[in-house]
């Protein structure tokens, strides 16, 4: 008795050659080593906290604030006096620039059109590695950063100008301090900022001590 279906031909799979197996093993090893190069330094203990300064001009009084939904430890900077657009954004401490570009999309808010469309993310931004797993981030700047990836900066060097690119409702500087993968409370001139949670609105005033160092 037959089913009317032709018998299936047996498939003959050719075993992978030794060369292919060796190549795949080398690719896997390279991937593991690449991950290790990135991950292992991050597993080491962090170094001492640098003496970070406010990322704005020496002697100026600024408003430090947060609000519900802003995310814990994030700080928004607004000047107390004078024009906001275009104010200098300064490096909080010496380090190496690791990011200088666009986070998300820019949107269309400018000094000429302050109510233009919002963008996404942080807009023009900069990230600085200060060593010892310490890092700072500066977001929503007006225009392309004044620094480039790999550039060494000193404390107080200008890295950009304050603006409202990205997901920003008004011109300001969004600022963060990080220890490894962890965002932490900002300290300025060795003093905690006091902004640790976004459960409630907070508004503080501080004077910048990001002053030129005398050599």
Protein backbone atom coordinates (compact mmCIF):
# COMPACT_ATOMS: atom_id res chain seq x y z
CA UNK A 1 0.00 0.00 0.00
CA UNK A 2 1.36 3.42 -0.90
CA UNK A 3 0.46 6.90 0.25
CA UNK A 4 0.93 8.47 -3.13
CA UNK A 5 3.76 10.67 -1.82
CA UNK A 6 7.24 10.27 -3.18
CA UNK A 7 9.79 9.25 -0.59
CA UNK A 8 11.77 12.17 0.86
CA UNK A 9 15.32 12.36 -0.21
CA UNK A 10 17.74 12.13 2.64
CA UNK A 11 19.53 15.38 3.31
CA UNK A 12 23.24 15.24 3.49
CA UNK A 13 24.57 18.15 5.51
CA UNK A 14 28.20 18.83 5.01
CA UNK A 15 30.01 19.27 8.32
CA UNK A 16 31.53 22.67 8.87
CA UNK A 17 35.13 22.77 7.97
CA UNK A 18 37.72 23.15 10.67
CA UNK A 19 38.68 26.55 9.29
CA UNK A 20 35.13 27.89 9.77
CA UNK A 21 35.00 26.54 13.33
CA UNK A 22 38.32 28.16 14.14
CA UNK A 23 37.15 31.47 12.64
CA UNK A 24 33.93 31.44 14.68
CA UNK A 25 35.92 30.67 17.83
CA UNK A 26 38.23 33.61 17.16
CA UNK A 27 35.27 35.96 16.59
CA UNK A 28 33.70 34.82 19.88
CA UNK A 29 37.00 35.30 21.70
CA UNK A 30 37.41 38.80 20.28
CA UNK A 31 33.88 39.69 21.41
CA UNK A 32 34.59 38.45 24.94
CA UNK A 33 37.85 40.38 25.09
CA UNK A 34 36.10 43.52 23.82
CA UNK A 35 33.47 43.28 26.54
CA UNK A 36 36.18 42.68 29.15
CA UNK A 37 38.11 45.78 28.07
CA UNK A 38 35.00 47.90 28.70
CA UNK A 39 33.56 46.11 31.74
CA UNK A 40 36.61 45.26 33.86
CA UNK A 41 37.71 48.89 34.47
CA UNK A 42 34.15 49.74 35.51
CA UNK A 43 34.24 47.00 38.16
CA UNK A 44 37.20 48.58 39.92
CA UNK A 45 36.49 50.86 42.91
CA UNK A 46 35.99 54.53 42.07
CA UNK A 47 38.72 57.01 42.90
CA UNK A 48 38.25 60.00 45.22
CA UNK A 49 35.58 62.48 44.19
CA UNK A 50 37.16 65.35 42.24
CA UNK A 51 36.66 68.87 43.59
CA UNK A 52 33.93 69.66 41.07
CA UNK A 53 32.87 73.25 40.59
CA UNK A 54 29.63 74.64 39.18
CA UNK A 55 29.73 74.57 35.35
CA UNK A 56 29.22 78.33 35.11
CA UNK A 57 31.25 81.53 35.40
CA UNK A 58 33.10 82.35 38.62
CA UNK A 59 31.23 84.59 41.07
CA UNK A 60 27.82 84.30 39.39
CA UNK A 61 24.72 83.27 41.36
CA UNK A 62 22.66 80.53 39.70
CA UNK A 63 19.46 78.71 40.46
CA UNK A 64 19.81 74.93 40.83
CA UNK A 65 16.52 73.10 40.47
CA UNK A 66 14.69 69.86 39.87
CA UNK A 67 11.06 68.80 39.52
CA UNK A 68 8.94 65.61 39.58
CA UNK A 69 9.84 63.33 36.69
CA UNK A 70 13.24 64.98 36.16
CA UNK A 71 15.13 61.92 37.54
CA UNK A 72 17.03 61.69 40.80
CA UNK A 73 20.24 63.77 41.07
CA UNK A 74 19.68 65.68 37.81
CA UNK A 75 20.26 69.42 38.19
CA UNK A 76 18.95 72.22 35.95
CA UNK A 77 20.90 75.50 35.98
CA UNK A 78 19.23 78.87 35.39
CA UNK A 79 20.99 82.24 35.84
CA UNK A 80 19.49 84.54 38.45
CA UNK A 81 20.32 87.69 36.49
CA UNK A 82 20.92 88.65 32.88
CA UNK A 83 20.29 86.93 29.57
CA UNK A 84 20.07 83.13 29.67
CA UNK A 85 20.72 82.24 26.03
CA UNK A 86 24.36 81.78 25.13
CA UNK A 87 25.87 81.91 28.61
CA UNK A 88 29.21 80.08 28.85
CA UNK A 89 29.11 76.42 29.93
CA UNK A 90 32.35 75.49 31.70
CA UNK A 91 34.07 72.22 32.56
CA UNK A 92 33.48 71.39 36.22
CA UNK A 93 36.90 69.78 36.53
CA UNK A 94 39.84 68.79 34.36
CA UNK A 95 39.40 65.74 32.15
CA UNK A 96 39.06 64.29 28.67
CA UNK A 97 36.06 64.86 26.42
CA UNK A 98 34.44 61.52 25.53
CA UNK A 99 31.26 62.80 23.83
CA UNK A 100 30.68 66.06 21.95
CA UNK A 101 27.70 66.04 19.64
CA UNK A 102 23.94 65.51 19.49
CA UNK A 103 21.84 63.39 21.84
CA UNK A 104 18.42 62.67 20.31
CA UNK A 105 17.32 65.52 18.04
CA UNK A 106 17.78 69.28 18.24
CA UNK A 107 14.28 70.68 17.78
CA UNK A 108 13.82 74.31 16.83
CA UNK A 109 14.09 76.44 19.98
CA UNK A 110 16.47 79.36 19.46
CA UNK A 111 16.91 82.89 20.83
CA UNK A 112 14.98 84.10 17.78
CA UNK A 113 12.21 81.50 18.24
CA UNK A 114 12.20 80.47 21.93
CA UNK A 115 8.82 78.73 21.59
CA UNK A 116 9.82 76.65 18.58
CA UNK A 117 9.30 72.89 18.45
CA UNK A 118 10.99 70.71 21.04
CA UNK A 119 13.44 68.06 20.03
CA UNK A 120 14.22 64.76 21.74
CA UNK A 121 16.83 63.85 24.34
CA UNK A 122 19.65 66.15 25.35
CA UNK A 123 20.29 68.06 22.13
CA UNK A 124 23.84 69.36 21.87
CA UNK A 125 25.77 67.81 24.72
CA UNK A 126 29.21 67.03 26.15
CA UNK A 127 30.49 64.27 28.39
CA UNK A 128 33.83 64.55 30.23
CA UNK A 129 35.82 61.71 31.83
CA UNK A 130 37.65 62.97 34.93
CA UNK A 131 39.43 59.73 35.77
CA UNK A 132 38.79 57.36 38.66
CA UNK A 133 35.39 56.44 37.11
CA UNK A 134 34.10 60.01 37.57
CA UNK A 135 32.21 61.73 34.76
CA UNK A 136 30.13 64.86 34.14
CA UNK A 137 27.47 65.52 31.48
CA UNK A 138 26.20 68.82 30.06
CA UNK A 139 23.00 68.89 27.95
CA UNK A 140 20.71 71.22 25.91
CA UNK A 141 23.49 73.52 24.70
CA UNK A 142 22.72 76.19 22.11
CA UNK A 143 25.05 75.09 19.32
CA UNK A 144 27.69 72.48 18.50
CA UNK A 145 30.11 72.06 21.43
CA UNK A 146 33.32 74.08 21.45
CA UNK A 147 35.32 70.92 22.23
CA UNK A 148 35.95 67.65 20.41
CA UNK A 149 36.19 64.01 21.46
CA UNK A 150 39.62 63.23 22.89
CA UNK A 151 40.36 66.84 23.79
CA UNK A 152 41.88 67.55 27.21
CA UNK A 153 40.16 70.31 29.15
CA UNK A 154 41.05 72.13 32.34
CA UNK A 155 38.62 73.14 35.04
CA UNK A 156 36.86 76.31 33.88
CA UNK A 157 37.49 75.81 30.15
CA UNK A 158 34.46 76.78 28.08
CA UNK A 159 32.93 73.73 26.39
CA UNK A 160 29.77 75.30 24.94
CA UNK A 161 26.98 77.84 25.33
CA UNK A 162 23.70 77.50 27.20
CA UNK A 163 20.62 76.86 25.07
CA UNK A 164 17.44 74.83 24.71
CA UNK A 165 18.11 72.04 22.19
CA UNK A 166 16.61 68.59 22.61
CA UNK A 167 13.66 67.98 24.92
CA UNK A 168 13.86 71.34 26.66
CA UNK A 169 11.10 73.75 27.60
CA UNK A 170 13.29 76.80 28.18
CA UNK A 171 16.97 77.72 27.93
CA UNK A 172 18.93 76.09 30.74
CA UNK A 173 21.78 73.67 31.40
CA UNK A 174 20.95 70.10 32.42
CA UNK A 175 23.90 68.77 34.42
CA UNK A 176 24.86 65.41 35.93
CA UNK A 177 27.73 63.89 37.89
CA UNK A 178 28.34 60.13 37.56
CA UNK A 179 30.48 57.57 39.33
CA UNK A 180 30.89 54.65 36.95
CA UNK A 181 27.46 53.58 35.73
CA UNK A 182 25.82 55.30 38.72
CA UNK A 183 24.39 58.80 38.80
CA UNK A 184 25.17 60.50 42.14
CA UNK A 185 24.37 63.67 44.07
CA UNK A 186 26.21 66.66 42.65
CA UNK A 187 28.87 68.27 44.83
CA UNK A 188 30.25 71.73 44.14
CA UNK A 189 33.44 73.01 45.80
CA UNK A 190 33.25 70.00 48.12
CA UNK A 191 29.69 70.73 49.31
CA UNK A 192 26.68 68.48 48.46
CA UNK A 193 24.06 70.27 46.38
CA UNK A 194 21.16 68.76 48.33
CA UNK A 195 19.34 67.66 45.18
CA UNK A 196 18.91 63.91 45.59
CA UNK A 197 15.37 63.11 44.46
CA UNK A 198 12.81 64.22 41.90
CA UNK A 199 9.84 63.46 44.18
CA UNK A 200 9.28 67.17 44.73
CA UNK A 201 10.27 70.47 43.19
CA UNK A 202 13.45 71.97 44.60
CA UNK A 203 14.99 75.38 43.92
CA UNK A 204 18.33 76.39 45.44
CA UNK A 205 20.74 79.26 44.87
CA UNK A 206 24.50 78.85 44.77
CA UNK A 207 27.46 81.05 43.84
CA UNK A 208 29.96 79.55 41.40
CA UNK A 209 33.55 79.11 42.55
CA UNK A 210 34.68 77.92 39.10
CA UNK A 211 37.43 80.51 39.08
CA UNK A 212 40.72 80.58 37.16
CA UNK A 213 43.47 78.78 39.04
CA UNK A 214 46.69 80.67 39.76
CA UNK A 215 49.72 78.76 38.52
